N, C-alpha and C. Protein backbone atom coordinates (compact mmCIF):
# COMPACT_ATOMS: atom_id res chain seq x y z
N ASN A 1 11.03 -4.97 3.77
CA ASN A 1 12.22 -5.44 3.08
C ASN A 1 12.15 -4.99 1.62
N PRO A 2 13.30 -4.63 1.07
CA PRO A 2 13.30 -4.24 -0.35
C PRO A 2 13.04 -5.44 -1.27
N ILE A 3 12.54 -5.15 -2.46
CA ILE A 3 12.31 -6.15 -3.48
C ILE A 3 13.57 -6.21 -4.34
N PRO A 4 14.16 -7.38 -4.55
CA PRO A 4 15.35 -7.46 -5.41
C PRO A 4 15.02 -7.01 -6.84
N GLU A 5 15.93 -6.27 -7.43
CA GLU A 5 15.74 -5.77 -8.78
C GLU A 5 15.58 -6.90 -9.79
N ASP A 6 16.20 -8.04 -9.52
CA ASP A 6 16.14 -9.15 -10.47
C ASP A 6 14.97 -10.11 -10.20
N SER A 7 13.98 -9.67 -9.43
CA SER A 7 12.79 -10.50 -9.18
C SER A 7 12.05 -10.73 -10.49
N PHE A 8 11.56 -11.95 -10.65
CA PHE A 8 10.85 -12.32 -11.87
C PHE A 8 9.42 -11.78 -11.86
N PRO A 9 8.90 -11.45 -13.05
CA PRO A 9 7.47 -11.14 -13.13
C PRO A 9 6.66 -12.31 -12.58
N SER A 10 5.56 -12.01 -11.96
CA SER A 10 4.64 -12.92 -11.26
C SER A 10 5.10 -13.25 -9.85
N THR A 11 6.21 -12.67 -9.38
CA THR A 11 6.63 -12.82 -7.99
C THR A 11 5.66 -12.08 -7.09
N VAL A 12 5.18 -12.74 -6.04
CA VAL A 12 4.28 -12.11 -5.08
C VAL A 12 5.10 -11.25 -4.12
N VAL A 13 4.71 -9.98 -3.98
CA VAL A 13 5.43 -9.08 -3.08
C VAL A 13 4.60 -8.69 -1.86
N ALA A 14 3.29 -8.90 -1.91
CA ALA A 14 2.43 -8.59 -0.76
C ALA A 14 1.10 -9.32 -0.91
N VAL A 15 0.47 -9.58 0.23
CA VAL A 15 -0.88 -10.13 0.26
C VAL A 15 -1.75 -9.12 0.99
N ILE A 16 -2.85 -8.75 0.37
CA ILE A 16 -3.76 -7.73 0.92
C ILE A 16 -5.06 -8.42 1.28
N ASN A 17 -5.47 -8.26 2.52
CA ASN A 17 -6.75 -8.80 2.99
C ASN A 17 -7.76 -7.67 3.07
N VAL A 18 -8.96 -7.91 2.55
CA VAL A 18 -10.03 -6.91 2.60
C VAL A 18 -11.24 -7.51 3.30
N ARG A 19 -12.03 -6.64 3.93
CA ARG A 19 -13.20 -7.13 4.66
C ARG A 19 -14.26 -6.05 4.68
N ASP A 20 -15.48 -6.45 4.44
CA ASP A 20 -16.64 -5.58 4.56
C ASP A 20 -17.69 -6.38 5.30
N ARG A 21 -18.15 -5.89 6.40
CA ARG A 21 -19.08 -6.65 7.26
C ARG A 21 -20.52 -6.61 6.78
N ASP A 22 -20.80 -5.84 5.71
CA ASP A 22 -22.15 -5.80 5.17
C ASP A 22 -22.48 -7.12 4.49
N SER A 23 -23.76 -7.32 4.20
CA SER A 23 -24.19 -8.53 3.49
C SER A 23 -24.60 -8.16 2.07
N GLY A 24 -24.75 -9.17 1.23
CA GLY A 24 -25.18 -8.95 -0.14
C GLY A 24 -24.14 -8.16 -0.93
N GLU A 25 -24.63 -7.39 -1.93
CA GLU A 25 -23.72 -6.60 -2.76
C GLU A 25 -22.92 -5.61 -1.94
N ASN A 26 -23.49 -5.10 -0.87
CA ASN A 26 -22.78 -4.12 -0.04
C ASN A 26 -21.54 -4.72 0.61
N GLY A 27 -21.48 -6.04 0.70
CA GLY A 27 -20.34 -6.69 1.32
C GLY A 27 -19.34 -7.25 0.32
N GLU A 28 -19.63 -7.13 -0.97
CA GLU A 28 -18.72 -7.61 -2.00
C GLU A 28 -17.72 -6.51 -2.33
N VAL A 29 -16.43 -6.82 -2.17
CA VAL A 29 -15.38 -5.82 -2.32
C VAL A 29 -14.45 -6.20 -3.46
N SER A 30 -14.06 -5.19 -4.22
CA SER A 30 -13.03 -5.39 -5.25
C SER A 30 -11.91 -4.38 -5.01
N CYS A 31 -10.70 -4.74 -5.42
CA CYS A 31 -9.54 -3.88 -5.22
C CYS A 31 -8.88 -3.56 -6.55
N LYS A 32 -8.22 -2.41 -6.60
CA LYS A 32 -7.45 -2.01 -7.77
C LYS A 32 -6.26 -1.19 -7.31
N ILE A 33 -5.25 -1.11 -8.17
CA ILE A 33 -4.13 -0.22 -7.89
C ILE A 33 -4.19 0.93 -8.87
N ASP A 34 -3.78 2.09 -8.40
CA ASP A 34 -3.82 3.30 -9.22
C ASP A 34 -2.49 3.52 -9.92
N GLY A 35 -2.54 4.03 -11.11
CA GLY A 35 -1.33 4.41 -11.83
C GLY A 35 -0.82 3.33 -12.76
N ASN A 36 0.18 3.72 -13.53
CA ASN A 36 0.82 2.83 -14.50
C ASN A 36 2.09 2.29 -13.86
N LEU A 37 1.97 1.19 -13.14
CA LEU A 37 3.07 0.63 -12.36
C LEU A 37 3.40 -0.78 -12.85
N PRO A 38 4.62 -1.26 -12.57
CA PRO A 38 4.98 -2.62 -12.98
C PRO A 38 4.46 -3.69 -12.01
N PHE A 39 3.28 -3.49 -11.48
CA PHE A 39 2.65 -4.41 -10.54
C PHE A 39 1.20 -4.61 -10.95
N ARG A 40 0.61 -5.72 -10.48
CA ARG A 40 -0.83 -5.95 -10.70
C ARG A 40 -1.38 -6.68 -9.48
N LEU A 41 -2.69 -6.58 -9.33
CA LEU A 41 -3.39 -7.29 -8.26
C LEU A 41 -4.05 -8.53 -8.84
N GLU A 42 -3.92 -9.64 -8.14
CA GLU A 42 -4.60 -10.88 -8.53
C GLU A 42 -5.43 -11.36 -7.35
N THR A 43 -6.62 -11.84 -7.62
CA THR A 43 -7.44 -12.41 -6.56
C THR A 43 -6.78 -13.67 -6.04
N SER A 44 -6.65 -13.75 -4.72
CA SER A 44 -6.03 -14.92 -4.10
C SER A 44 -7.09 -15.85 -3.52
N SER A 45 -8.02 -15.27 -2.80
CA SER A 45 -9.15 -16.00 -2.25
C SER A 45 -10.30 -15.01 -2.12
N GLU A 46 -11.34 -15.41 -1.46
CA GLU A 46 -12.53 -14.56 -1.38
C GLU A 46 -12.23 -13.17 -0.83
N ASN A 47 -11.38 -13.08 0.17
CA ASN A 47 -11.13 -11.79 0.82
C ASN A 47 -9.68 -11.33 0.74
N SER A 48 -8.92 -11.87 -0.19
CA SER A 48 -7.52 -11.44 -0.27
C SER A 48 -7.05 -11.34 -1.72
N TYR A 49 -6.06 -10.49 -1.88
CA TYR A 49 -5.45 -10.25 -3.18
C TYR A 49 -3.95 -10.38 -3.04
N LYS A 50 -3.28 -10.75 -4.14
CA LYS A 50 -1.83 -10.79 -4.19
C LYS A 50 -1.36 -9.63 -5.05
N LEU A 51 -0.36 -8.90 -4.55
CA LEU A 51 0.30 -7.89 -5.34
C LEU A 51 1.51 -8.56 -5.96
N VAL A 52 1.54 -8.64 -7.29
CA VAL A 52 2.61 -9.34 -7.98
C VAL A 52 3.33 -8.40 -8.94
N ILE A 53 4.57 -8.76 -9.23
CA ILE A 53 5.35 -8.00 -10.20
C ILE A 53 4.82 -8.33 -11.59
N ALA A 54 4.51 -7.31 -12.37
CA ALA A 54 3.95 -7.51 -13.71
C ALA A 54 5.01 -7.40 -14.80
N SER A 55 6.06 -6.63 -14.55
CA SER A 55 7.13 -6.47 -15.54
C SER A 55 8.44 -6.19 -14.82
N ALA A 56 9.53 -6.22 -15.56
CA ALA A 56 10.86 -6.09 -14.97
C ALA A 56 11.02 -4.78 -14.20
N LEU A 57 11.77 -4.84 -13.11
CA LEU A 57 12.06 -3.68 -12.29
C LEU A 57 13.47 -3.18 -12.63
N ASP A 58 13.65 -1.86 -12.60
CA ASP A 58 14.96 -1.26 -12.87
C ASP A 58 15.24 -0.22 -11.79
N ARG A 59 16.08 -0.59 -10.83
CA ARG A 59 16.37 0.27 -9.69
C ARG A 59 16.98 1.60 -10.11
N GLU A 60 17.73 1.61 -11.21
CA GLU A 60 18.35 2.85 -11.67
C GLU A 60 17.30 3.85 -12.16
N ASN A 61 16.19 3.36 -12.69
CA ASN A 61 15.11 4.25 -13.13
C ASN A 61 14.18 4.63 -11.98
N VAL A 62 13.77 3.63 -11.18
CA VAL A 62 12.85 3.87 -10.06
C VAL A 62 13.33 3.01 -8.89
N SER A 63 13.72 3.65 -7.79
CA SER A 63 14.23 2.90 -6.64
C SER A 63 13.16 2.60 -5.60
N ALA A 64 11.99 3.25 -5.71
CA ALA A 64 10.88 2.99 -4.77
C ALA A 64 9.56 3.32 -5.47
N TYR A 65 8.55 2.55 -5.12
CA TYR A 65 7.22 2.75 -5.69
C TYR A 65 6.23 3.05 -4.57
N ASN A 66 5.42 4.08 -4.78
CA ASN A 66 4.29 4.35 -3.89
C ASN A 66 3.07 3.78 -4.59
N ILE A 67 2.50 2.74 -4.00
CA ILE A 67 1.38 2.04 -4.61
C ILE A 67 0.13 2.30 -3.79
N THR A 68 -0.87 2.89 -4.42
CA THR A 68 -2.15 3.13 -3.76
C THR A 68 -3.12 2.03 -4.16
N ILE A 69 -3.63 1.34 -3.16
CA ILE A 69 -4.60 0.26 -3.38
C ILE A 69 -5.95 0.77 -2.90
N THR A 70 -6.95 0.69 -3.77
CA THR A 70 -8.29 1.16 -3.43
C THR A 70 -9.24 -0.02 -3.41
N ALA A 71 -9.99 -0.15 -2.32
CA ALA A 71 -11.01 -1.19 -2.17
C ALA A 71 -12.37 -0.50 -2.20
N ALA A 72 -13.30 -1.05 -2.98
CA ALA A 72 -14.65 -0.49 -3.07
C ALA A 72 -15.67 -1.61 -3.01
N ASP A 73 -16.80 -1.35 -2.35
CA ASP A 73 -17.86 -2.36 -2.32
C ASP A 73 -18.82 -2.11 -3.48
N ARG A 74 -19.80 -2.99 -3.63
CA ARG A 74 -20.74 -2.88 -4.74
C ARG A 74 -22.05 -2.23 -4.32
N GLY A 75 -22.07 -1.61 -3.16
CA GLY A 75 -23.28 -0.92 -2.69
C GLY A 75 -23.57 0.32 -3.52
N ARG A 76 -24.74 0.87 -3.32
CA ARG A 76 -25.14 2.11 -3.99
C ARG A 76 -25.58 3.10 -2.95
N PRO A 77 -24.83 4.14 -2.70
CA PRO A 77 -23.55 4.46 -3.33
C PRO A 77 -22.44 3.55 -2.81
N ALA A 78 -21.43 3.36 -3.65
CA ALA A 78 -20.30 2.52 -3.27
C ALA A 78 -19.46 3.21 -2.20
N LEU A 79 -19.04 2.44 -1.22
CA LEU A 79 -18.12 2.95 -0.21
C LEU A 79 -16.74 2.43 -0.57
N TRP A 80 -15.70 3.21 -0.30
CA TRP A 80 -14.36 2.81 -0.66
C TRP A 80 -13.37 3.28 0.39
N SER A 81 -12.22 2.68 0.35
CA SER A 81 -11.12 3.04 1.23
C SER A 81 -9.83 2.76 0.46
N SER A 82 -8.78 3.49 0.80
CA SER A 82 -7.50 3.24 0.12
C SER A 82 -6.38 3.21 1.14
N ALA A 83 -5.30 2.55 0.74
CA ALA A 83 -4.10 2.45 1.56
C ALA A 83 -2.90 2.55 0.63
N GLU A 84 -1.80 3.05 1.15
CA GLU A 84 -0.60 3.20 0.34
C GLU A 84 0.50 2.29 0.85
N LEU A 85 1.16 1.62 -0.07
CA LEU A 85 2.33 0.80 0.22
C LEU A 85 3.54 1.46 -0.42
N VAL A 86 4.66 1.44 0.26
CA VAL A 86 5.91 1.91 -0.31
C VAL A 86 6.80 0.68 -0.47
N LEU A 87 7.19 0.39 -1.72
CA LEU A 87 8.05 -0.75 -2.00
C LEU A 87 9.37 -0.25 -2.55
N GLU A 88 10.44 -0.61 -1.88
CA GLU A 88 11.79 -0.23 -2.31
C GLU A 88 12.41 -1.34 -3.13
N VAL A 89 13.11 -0.95 -4.19
CA VAL A 89 13.78 -1.93 -5.06
C VAL A 89 15.24 -1.96 -4.68
């Protein structure tokens, strides 16, 4: 579903669940989004993050966002995976 252009900052638009079956540091995962986007990730619980609107959206400037979310563990070497979300305004 598209995100309304008049959505307020801090509106949750997605919940991302992450999982690493390793133990210790190898099982601790953090997520980030790439690029300069009007969204941010907030920790929701131990294994989930909320993607929230960080600033006002303007459909006339950008009608869709490709958001790459990267999850990495704390192992050495760190293992990571990424996924892309497409959000339409």
